[in-house]
Amino acid sequence: MAKRLADPATVWQRISVAWYSGTTRTVELASETAVWYHNGLPPVAIHWLLIQDPQGQFDPQALLCTDQQAQAQTLLEWFVLRWQMEVTCA
């Protein structure tokens, strides 16, 4: 993922997404499908998502998902929702 982040050929899509505390934030996304392989197990197709902040206020992040039908924006919104749930339960 670090190579994709630094690669000038990586195509970034700028979107507004539901963010923490009920706000909206503009981020840049790059997303594709890859194969996750572990010795002795069958390969699994994964949907990867790179997120970067055009304002530079947070570090880039990578998310992985096995749901090939989910859109990149949806994956990011699921991540934001999950984090709020973990903080609440903690």
Protein backbone atom coordinates (compact mmCIF):
# COMPACT_ATOMS: atom_id res chain seq x y z
CA MET A 1 0.00 0.00 0.00
CA ALA A 2 2.91 2.37 0.68
CA LYS A 3 4.05 1.98 -2.94
CA ARG A 4 0.55 2.77 -4.22
CA LEU A 5 0.40 5.82 -1.97
CA ALA A 6 3.67 7.18 -3.39
CA ASP A 7 2.99 6.17 -7.00
CA PRO A 8 2.17 9.24 -9.14
CA ALA A 9 0.09 6.98 -11.42
CA THR A 10 -2.36 6.15 -8.61
CA VAL A 11 -5.79 7.53 -9.51
CA TRP A 12 -7.40 9.42 -6.59
CA GLN A 13 -11.09 10.20 -6.35
CA ARG A 14 -12.09 13.16 -4.17
CA ILE A 15 -15.37 12.62 -2.30
CA SER A 16 -17.31 14.00 0.64
CA VAL A 17 -18.11 11.33 3.20
CA ALA A 18 -20.03 11.04 6.49
CA TRP A 19 -17.39 11.50 9.17
CA TYR A 20 -17.02 11.41 12.94
CA SER A 21 -19.37 13.39 15.20
CA GLY A 22 -21.97 13.70 12.42
CA THR A 23 -19.76 15.89 10.24
CA THR A 24 -18.87 15.59 6.56
CA ARG A 25 -15.28 15.50 5.36
CA THR A 26 -13.61 15.60 1.96
CA VAL A 27 -11.05 12.83 1.43
CA GLU A 28 -9.24 11.25 -1.49
CA LEU A 29 -9.70 7.53 -2.21
CA ALA A 30 -7.91 4.99 -4.36
CA SER A 31 -9.41 1.52 -4.58
CA GLU A 32 -8.90 -1.76 -6.44
CA THR A 33 -9.11 -5.52 -6.01
CA ALA A 34 -6.18 -7.74 -5.06
CA VAL A 35 -5.62 -11.34 -4.02
CA TRP A 36 -4.77 -12.18 -0.43
CA TYR A 37 -2.79 -15.39 -0.28
CA HIS A 38 -1.62 -17.30 2.78
CA ASN A 39 0.39 -20.50 2.47
CA GLY A 40 -1.87 -23.53 2.82
CA LEU A 41 -5.13 -21.60 2.45
CA PRO A 42 -7.12 -20.78 -0.70
CA PRO A 43 -6.59 -17.27 -2.11
CA VAL A 44 -9.20 -14.65 -1.24
CA ALA A 45 -10.15 -11.63 -3.35
CA ILE A 46 -9.98 -8.44 -1.30
CA HIS A 47 -11.13 -4.93 -2.02
CA TRP A 48 -8.47 -2.48 -0.80
CA LEU A 49 -9.00 1.19 -0.15
CA LEU A 50 -6.40 3.90 0.41
CA ILE A 51 -7.58 7.08 2.11
CA GLN A 52 -5.68 10.35 2.24
CA ASP A 53 -6.58 13.78 3.56
CA PRO A 54 -6.07 16.55 0.98
CA GLN A 55 -5.67 18.99 3.91
CA GLY A 56 -2.96 16.82 5.51
CA GLN A 57 -4.69 16.68 8.93
CA PHE A 58 -4.52 12.86 9.26
CA ASP A 59 -2.12 10.19 8.03
CA PRO A 60 -3.10 8.03 5.04
CA GLN A 61 -4.82 4.76 5.92
CA ALA A 62 -5.47 1.47 4.14
CA LEU A 63 -8.65 -0.57 4.60
CA LEU A 64 -9.30 -4.12 3.36
CA CYS A 65 -12.64 -5.83 2.77
CA THR A 66 -13.75 -9.16 1.30
CA ASP A 67 -17.09 -7.74 0.07
CA GLN A 68 -16.41 -7.21 -3.63
CA GLN A 69 -19.79 -5.52 -4.20
CA ALA A 70 -19.28 -2.70 -1.66
CA GLN A 71 -18.40 0.72 -3.05
CA ALA A 72 -15.28 2.50 -1.76
CA GLN A 73 -17.30 5.28 -0.09
CA THR A 74 -19.46 2.67 1.66
CA LEU A 75 -16.36 0.87 2.99
CA LEU A 76 -15.05 4.10 4.45
CA GLU A 77 -18.40 4.95 6.05
CA TRP A 78 -18.57 1.43 7.57
CA PHE A 79 -15.10 2.02 9.05
CA VAL A 80 -16.18 5.35 10.57
CA LEU A 81 -19.30 3.73 12.07
CA ARG A 82 -17.29 0.80 13.45
CA TRP A 83 -14.81 3.08 15.17
CA GLN A 84 -17.60 5.01 16.92
CA MET A 85 -19.05 1.72 18.17
CA GLU A 86 -15.68 0.55 19.52
CA VAL A 87 -15.16 3.83 21.40
CA THR A 88 -18.66 3.62 22.88
CA CYS A 89 -18.15 0.02 24.04
CA ALA A 90 -14.73 0.79 25.53
